[in-house]
Amino acid sequence: MLFFTGVPLFLMELSLGQYGAAGPITVWKCCPLLKGIGIGMLCVSILVCLYYNVIIAWTFYYLGSSFQNPLPWSCDAVANAALCGNATTVNRSSGTTLSPSEVFWNTRVLGILNSKGLHDPGPVRWPLALCLLAAWIIIFLCMLKGIRSSGKVVYVTATFPYFVLLVLIIKGATLEGSLQGVAFYLTPDWGRLANAQVWNDAASQIFYSLGIGVGGLLSMASYNKFDNNVIRDTLIITIGNCSTSFLAGFAIFSILGHMAWKKGVPVGKVADTGPGLAFVAYPEALALLPGSVFWSILFFLMLFMLGIDTLFGNMEGITTAVLDEFPQLRVNIKQKTLFLGALCFSFYLMGLLLITDGGIYWFTLIDSFSTSFGLIIITLFMCIGISFFYGVNQFCNDIIDMVCHCPPWCSKVLLYFKACWVFCTPFLLLFILTYIFIEMYNTSLHYGMYTYPRWGKALGVCMGTICCLQIPIWAIVAICKESGPLKDRFHKAIRPLNSWRANNLNSTSRGEERVEPERVEAPFTVTLTNMDFTAMTWESGSQA
């Protein structure tokens, strides 16, 4: 999944943004027919930002609760004494006994026991509303000064999790039963490859961890120098990203192994997926460690940093797209501040639905039924459009133009990427997409412990479909703008605009150095007239 979808699509977005020096909408001057891909990216990015900051709000809530000693979700807390002693709290959906961390998550954080389902959101949970407001204020302040300010913040938010991961790995290795968790982590279950949900989860993991398909990569790359080596950056970032994810697994499963050893159950019984891993299983594992308060603070501070990092990329994709369409906002600081403030406040108001008693139903609806297949469809059309409409050979030449002193290995690596863009990546994305739709049609309307009515699943699919419909809608608009027969209109719509090639020269608005115009060497002649000889006679006379 990484080598046939993640890396090729990452290089495609990075190269497109750097060469065009524009955001996810304006960059499609290279092929106006595909402008809907940029608008679809914008729609998906809005959905992701809408629910992703809710995760940061949950992290804030847990971070604040971590300063209590004992932790409120541990058996040492007075409120959990009866629960841990008698095990009387039972999950109403599965009939299993709930742990203190599950009770804290479902009752204190989500309040899901007060909601009957998607149709019954209930009141807003105001402690979470304050956490969500604080999260959006932090995002607003970090983005206020633009990409340079965000880049400096990322120096902290991107490096701190590595320190925490290293500490947790060392601590986890010293716990009894940790090898049991590591063995569970490293043992593959080949039979699960027949499950479409596994392929969907793998694609979602690659897309979200690398930021593919939401426009953030295009926006960030648009601020690069024109001659930046995108091939080198792609290989370093993608391999480093997935290596970090692999490394993080040791920190998580070593502690889950200790948790399973202490409970006397298999690791598979304590490992969870989705929000349950970060906010149920791992807090419960941290509560079992000596000095649990310190480890809990450290863990949720790391989650906060990671969440901020991810949201930076998504928000940058949205703001760059708007600022490219309305360049006057870049110049007027007051208007830009008002725009960012209105954008963040709008997201906050829409996010209040996700922190009601039934907000988790809406959260999982958007996460599981809307953005996952939407990202796959958008990247599929991007790959096909660049390869066959813009031209894969032309795109490779653009990359070589940017990497001026391209070493021999760059040209050889481009052959691999060309094969992926034309054959491997589109076919793999089509396979996953077909499998997902078949599975979504056949499976019951359940997602974990959350049950959805039939109209709820249809609503989630419609939200993702609306994002994807931008592609054919704007393709029709681009064709209608042209004149002549339909075939001629189509050929004109896939032809790059005149401003596309010159777009990489317009980097002064983004704080780049001005590129001098190219000098053209051409033969020339000089024709002398009588005035020239008269002037020469006058000059010789004056010298005498």
Foldseek 3Di string as FASTA:
>chain_A
DCQLAQLLLLLLLLLLLQLQLAFLQVSCLLFLLQSLLSLLLLLLLLLCLLQLLLVLLVLVVLLVQLVDPPRQLECVDPVCVCCVVVQPDADPQPRHGDGSLRCCCQPVFQLLVVAPAPVGLAAFDVSSLVSSVVSLVVLLVQPLVHDVSVVVLLVCLVPLLVVLLVVLLVVLVPAPQLVLLVCVVPDDDVVCVVPLVVVLVVLVCSCLLSVGSNRLSSLVSSLDALQDQSSVVSVCVSVVSVVVVVSSSSSLRSLLSNVCVVVVHHSVVLDDDDVCSVRRSVLHSLSPDVVSSVSSSSSSVSVSSVSSVSSNSSVSSNLRNVCSVVVVLLVDSVSVSVVSVVVSVVSSVSSSSLRGSNNVNVSCLQVPQASSLLSLLSSLCVLCLCPPLSHLVVSVVSSCVSNVCDDPVNVVVSVVSNCSSVPRNNVSSVVSSVSVVVCLVPDAQDDVSHGDDPVSSVVSNVSNVVSNVSSNVSSVVQLVVDDDDSVVSSSVSSHNDPCSSVSSQPCVSSVDDHDDDDDDDDDDDDDDDPVVVVVVVVVVVVVD
